[in-house]
């Protein structure tokens, strides 16, 4: 995969148009389905900035559902947008430093809509 180098100005400009899910928009019990280029993750919001994560690497390693944190989203490098947990085109970085492939689709299921 070819590494793309962006200036800080380019990164800031890209942020304005991102379809993103901010931490502050989620409540305990909400579930976020994140489809990446390579996997699908189910992320349930817990208390104290913790998440129960299934799918992708966590399933393949037999760790699902894993309780972890989410550092934020990145373009694949060291710049991280910490106020969001998912944004189309970016990669999720979990608390264990696992980074997903690029996000293609995000679906939020509110806890009140779950049975």
Protein backbone atom coordinates (compact mmCIF):
# COMPACT_ATOMS: atom_id res chain seq x y z
CA UNK A 1 0.00 0.00 0.00
CA UNK A 2 1.38 3.39 -1.00
CA UNK A 3 1.79 5.82 1.89
CA UNK A 4 0.17 9.21 1.30
CA UNK A 5 1.88 12.22 2.84
CA UNK A 6 -0.41 15.11 3.83
CA UNK A 7 0.35 18.50 5.30
CA UNK A 8 -1.35 19.65 8.48
CA UNK A 9 -3.43 22.10 6.42
CA UNK A 10 -4.62 19.26 4.18
CA UNK A 11 -5.56 17.12 7.18
CA UNK A 12 -7.53 19.95 8.80
CA UNK A 13 -9.36 20.62 5.51
CA UNK A 14 -10.26 16.92 5.16
CA UNK A 15 -11.72 16.81 8.69
CA UNK A 16 -14.53 19.20 7.76
CA UNK A 17 -16.05 16.80 5.24
CA UNK A 18 -15.71 13.52 7.14
CA UNK A 19 -18.75 11.36 7.90
CA UNK A 20 -17.82 10.74 11.51
CA UNK A 21 -19.19 9.52 14.81
CA UNK A 22 -18.07 11.66 17.75
CA UNK A 23 -17.64 10.16 21.21
CA UNK A 24 -20.01 12.77 22.64
CA UNK A 25 -22.83 11.56 20.36
CA UNK A 26 -22.86 8.06 21.83
CA UNK A 27 -24.47 6.77 25.00
CA UNK A 28 -23.95 3.66 27.12
CA UNK A 29 -25.51 0.68 25.32
CA UNK A 30 -25.35 2.17 21.81
CA UNK A 31 -23.78 -0.08 19.19
CA UNK A 32 -21.68 1.10 16.27
CA UNK A 33 -21.20 -1.25 13.31
CA UNK A 34 -18.00 -0.36 11.50
CA UNK A 35 -17.34 -1.86 8.07
CA UNK A 36 -13.72 -1.52 7.01
CA UNK A 37 -12.03 -2.57 3.80
CA UNK A 38 -11.15 -5.94 5.39
CA UNK A 39 -13.52 -6.57 8.31
CA UNK A 40 -16.71 -5.74 10.17
CA UNK A 41 -16.59 -4.65 13.82
CA UNK A 42 -19.38 -4.33 16.36
CA UNK A 43 -18.55 -1.73 19.02
CA UNK A 44 -20.86 -1.45 22.04
CA UNK A 45 -20.46 1.62 24.22
CA UNK A 46 -19.81 0.78 27.88
CA UNK A 47 -19.17 3.11 30.81
CA UNK A 48 -15.99 5.08 31.51
CA UNK A 49 -14.85 5.41 27.88
CA UNK A 50 -14.73 1.62 27.42
CA UNK A 51 -16.13 -0.43 24.55
CA UNK A 52 -17.00 -4.10 23.98
CA UNK A 53 -15.61 -4.96 20.55
CA UNK A 54 -16.36 -8.00 18.39
CA UNK A 55 -15.53 -8.83 14.81
CA UNK A 56 -12.41 -8.57 12.68
CA UNK A 57 -9.14 -9.20 14.48
CA UNK A 58 -10.85 -9.69 17.86
CA UNK A 59 -12.90 -12.63 16.48
CA UNK A 60 -9.92 -14.12 14.62
CA UNK A 61 -7.85 -14.06 17.83
CA UNK A 62 -10.69 -15.56 19.92
CA UNK A 63 -10.88 -12.44 22.12
CA UNK A 64 -14.38 -11.20 21.28
CA UNK A 65 -16.09 -9.49 22.89
CA UNK A 66 -13.00 -7.64 24.12
CA UNK A 67 -13.31 -4.70 26.47
CA UNK A 68 -10.99 -1.94 25.34
CA UNK A 69 -10.67 1.76 24.72
CA UNK A 70 -10.58 3.57 21.40
CA UNK A 71 -7.72 6.03 20.93
CA UNK A 72 -9.47 7.64 17.94
CA UNK A 73 -9.13 7.56 14.18
CA UNK A 74 -6.11 8.03 12.00
CA UNK A 75 -5.23 8.37 8.35
CA UNK A 76 -2.86 5.44 8.86
CA UNK A 77 0.02 7.42 10.32
CA UNK A 78 0.77 9.08 13.62
CA UNK A 79 -1.83 11.87 13.44
CA UNK A 80 -4.91 10.81 15.41
CA UNK A 81 -8.31 12.46 15.72
CA UNK A 82 -9.13 11.56 19.31
CA UNK A 83 -12.65 13.03 19.56
CA UNK A 84 -14.17 10.44 17.20
CA UNK A 85 -14.50 6.67 17.25
CA UNK A 86 -15.22 6.19 13.55
CA UNK A 87 -14.96 8.19 10.33
CA UNK A 88 -15.30 7.01 6.74
CA UNK A 89 -11.92 6.89 5.04
CA UNK A 90 -9.97 6.74 8.31
CA UNK A 91 -8.77 3.81 10.43
CA UNK A 92 -9.87 3.08 14.01
CA UNK A 93 -7.06 2.73 16.53
CA UNK A 94 -8.09 0.62 19.53
CA UNK A 95 -6.50 0.84 22.98
CA UNK A 96 -4.36 -2.23 22.28
CA UNK A 97 -2.78 -0.27 19.34
CA UNK A 98 -4.61 -2.39 16.75
CA UNK A 99 -5.41 -0.24 13.73
CA UNK A 100 -8.14 -1.27 11.30
CA UNK A 101 -8.10 -0.87 7.56
CA UNK A 102 -9.94 2.16 6.16
CA UNK A 103 -13.57 2.53 7.23
CA UNK A 104 -16.11 2.24 4.42
CA UNK A 105 -19.42 2.38 6.29
CA UNK A 106 -20.69 3.27 9.78
CA UNK A 107 -24.09 2.39 11.29
CA UNK A 108 -25.19 3.52 14.75
CA UNK A 109 -27.87 1.52 16.57
CA UNK A 110 -29.21 3.34 19.60
CA UNK A 111 -29.62 1.32 22.79
CA UNK A 112 -33.28 2.35 22.98
CA UNK A 113 -33.85 0.59 19.61
CA UNK A 114 -32.30 -2.71 20.72
CA UNK A 115 -34.53 -5.45 22.11
